[in-house]
Protein backbone atom coordinates (compact mmCIF):
# COMPACT_ATOMS: atom_id res chain seq x y z
CA MET A 1 -9.88 5.66 16.63
CA PRO A 2 -8.79 6.61 13.04
CA VAL A 3 -8.32 2.94 11.76
CA ASP A 4 -10.11 -0.23 12.30
CA GLN A 5 -8.28 -2.86 10.17
CA LEU A 6 -4.81 -3.58 8.73
CA GLN A 7 -5.48 -3.97 5.01
CA HIS A 8 -2.22 -4.73 3.20
CA VAL A 9 1.58 -4.60 2.93
CA ASN A 10 3.05 -3.16 -0.26
CA ILE A 11 6.44 -4.77 -1.39
CA ARG A 12 8.54 -3.34 -4.05
CA CYS A 13 10.12 -6.19 -6.09
CA ALA A 14 13.13 -6.63 -8.20
CA ASP A 15 11.22 -9.22 -10.20
CA VAL A 16 7.52 -8.90 -9.72
CA GLU A 17 6.71 -11.96 -11.77
CA ALA A 18 8.94 -14.14 -9.49
CA ALA A 19 7.41 -12.52 -6.38
CA ARG A 20 3.90 -13.28 -7.74
CA ASP A 21 4.86 -16.86 -8.20
CA PHE A 22 6.32 -17.17 -4.74
CA TYR A 23 3.16 -15.70 -3.11
CA VAL A 24 0.97 -18.12 -5.14
CA GLN A 25 3.09 -21.25 -4.97
CA VAL A 26 4.70 -20.92 -1.44
CA VAL A 27 2.26 -18.80 0.62
CA GLY A 28 -0.93 -19.92 -1.17
CA LEU A 29 -2.32 -16.50 -2.06
CA THR A 30 -4.22 -15.93 -5.34
CA VAL A 31 -3.85 -13.18 -7.95
CA GLY A 32 -6.86 -10.88 -7.88
CA PRO A 33 -8.15 -7.63 -9.51
CA ARG A 34 -6.03 -4.57 -9.23
CA PRO A 35 -6.90 -0.90 -10.10
CA PRO A 36 -5.32 0.44 -13.34
CA PHE A 37 -2.33 2.04 -11.55
CA ALA A 38 0.45 3.28 -13.88
CA SER A 39 2.88 0.85 -11.98
CA VAL A 40 3.32 -2.74 -12.87
CA GLY A 41 2.08 -5.12 -10.18
CA TYR A 42 -0.17 -7.54 -8.70
CA TRP A 43 -2.64 -7.67 -5.85
CA MET A 44 -2.33 -10.96 -3.90
CA PHE A 45 -5.48 -12.08 -2.21
CA LEU A 46 -6.13 -14.10 0.87
CA GLY A 47 -9.75 -15.25 0.33
CA ASP A 48 -11.48 -12.10 -0.85
CA GLN A 49 -9.02 -9.63 0.72
CA PRO A 50 -5.98 -8.05 -1.14
CA VAL A 51 -3.35 -8.46 1.67
CA VAL A 52 -0.08 -8.16 -0.31
CA HIS A 53 0.51 -5.63 -3.10
CA LEU A 54 3.42 -6.30 -5.29
CA VAL A 55 4.94 -3.52 -7.34
CA GLN A 56 7.85 -3.74 -9.81
CA ARG A 57 10.82 -1.69 -8.59
CA PRO A 58 12.29 0.41 -11.43
CA PRO A 59 15.50 -1.14 -13.10
CA GLY A 60 18.60 0.29 -11.44
CA GLU A 61 16.94 1.54 -8.30
CA ASP A 62 18.74 0.76 -5.11
CA PRO A 63 16.38 -1.32 -2.87
CA LYS A 64 18.08 0.25 0.06
CA THR A 65 16.69 3.72 -0.68
CA GLY A 66 13.55 5.14 0.92
CA THR A 67 11.70 2.42 2.79
CA GLY A 68 13.47 -0.33 0.99
CA ASN A 69 11.45 -3.22 -0.36
CA LEU A 70 8.62 -2.56 2.14
CA ASP A 71 7.02 0.43 0.58
CA HIS A 72 4.12 0.96 2.89
CA VAL A 73 1.59 -0.49 5.20
CA GLY A 74 -2.25 0.16 4.55
CA PHE A 75 -4.99 0.50 7.03
CA ARG A 76 -8.69 0.99 6.60
CA GLY A 77 -9.66 4.42 7.97
CA VAL A 78 -13.00 5.29 9.70
CA ASP A 79 -13.36 9.09 9.68
CA ILE A 80 -11.59 10.90 6.79
CA GLU A 81 -12.42 14.49 7.87
CA GLY A 82 -11.48 13.76 11.54
CA THR A 83 -8.17 12.28 10.21
CA ARG A 84 -7.45 15.30 7.99
CA ALA A 85 -8.22 17.62 10.75
CA GLY A 86 -6.08 15.75 13.37
CA LEU A 87 -3.07 15.55 10.91
CA ARG A 88 -3.34 19.24 10.18
CA ALA A 89 -3.66 20.19 13.87
CA ALA A 90 -0.52 18.10 14.70
CA GLY A 91 1.41 19.67 11.83
CA ILE A 92 1.89 16.22 10.15
CA PRO A 93 2.32 16.59 6.29
CA PHE A 94 0.22 14.17 4.24
CA ARG A 95 -0.66 13.37 0.69
CA GLU A 96 -4.03 12.38 -0.78
CA GLN A 97 -5.01 10.51 -3.95
CA VAL A 98 -8.05 8.73 -5.25
CA VAL A 99 -7.85 5.10 -6.47
CA PRO A 100 -8.84 4.63 -10.05
CA ARG A 101 -11.78 2.24 -10.46
CA ASP A 102 -13.39 2.40 -6.91
CA GLY A 103 -12.93 6.10 -5.77
CA THR A 104 -11.18 5.04 -2.46
CA THR A 105 -9.63 8.18 -1.01
CA GLN A 106 -6.12 7.44 0.25
CA ILE A 107 -4.15 9.45 2.79
CA PHE A 108 -0.37 8.91 3.01
CA VAL A 109 1.72 9.82 5.96
CA VAL A 110 5.37 8.99 6.94
CA ASP A 111 6.14 7.55 10.41
CA PRO A 112 9.07 8.81 12.50
CA ASP A 113 11.27 6.14 10.92
CA GLY A 114 10.49 7.00 7.32
CA LEU A 115 7.93 4.14 6.68
CA LYS A 116 4.99 5.23 4.64
CA VAL A 117 1.49 4.57 6.13
CA GLU A 118 -1.53 4.50 3.89
CA LEU A 119 -5.08 5.23 5.27
CA ASN A 120 -8.01 4.05 3.04
CA PHE A 121 -11.46 5.71 3.27
C-alpha cells in the first residue's frame, strides 16, 4: 500500500485572512507553524495535525480554473522508491519537491479528473 493516512486538504482562497478566521471561529481549528513557502497562507491544525492548508489565490485568477478552490489532497506515503517505480512503470507523470524546513519529499500526481494528489514521504 503506497499510503497509510489522509494528511490534509489544500484550499485556494480569495481572502486567506477571512478563510483563516472562519476555520478558527467556526470550525475550531488553530493556526500552526507553516514552512516558509513562497505563497501566502496558513496551516490550520486539529490538535497537533495540520489538516487544512489555506493558500491565497492570486488576484484576478478565476477560481474555476485548474482544480478550483480545492487545490490538492495530501496523503502520507510509506515507500517512496516503490511509489516512484510504480508511477514510472505505469507511465504516470509526477513532480517532486522538498519541503523547506523539514526535508519532506513530496510527490505530486494528477488523478483522472484533474485533481492534484500529494504524497508525502
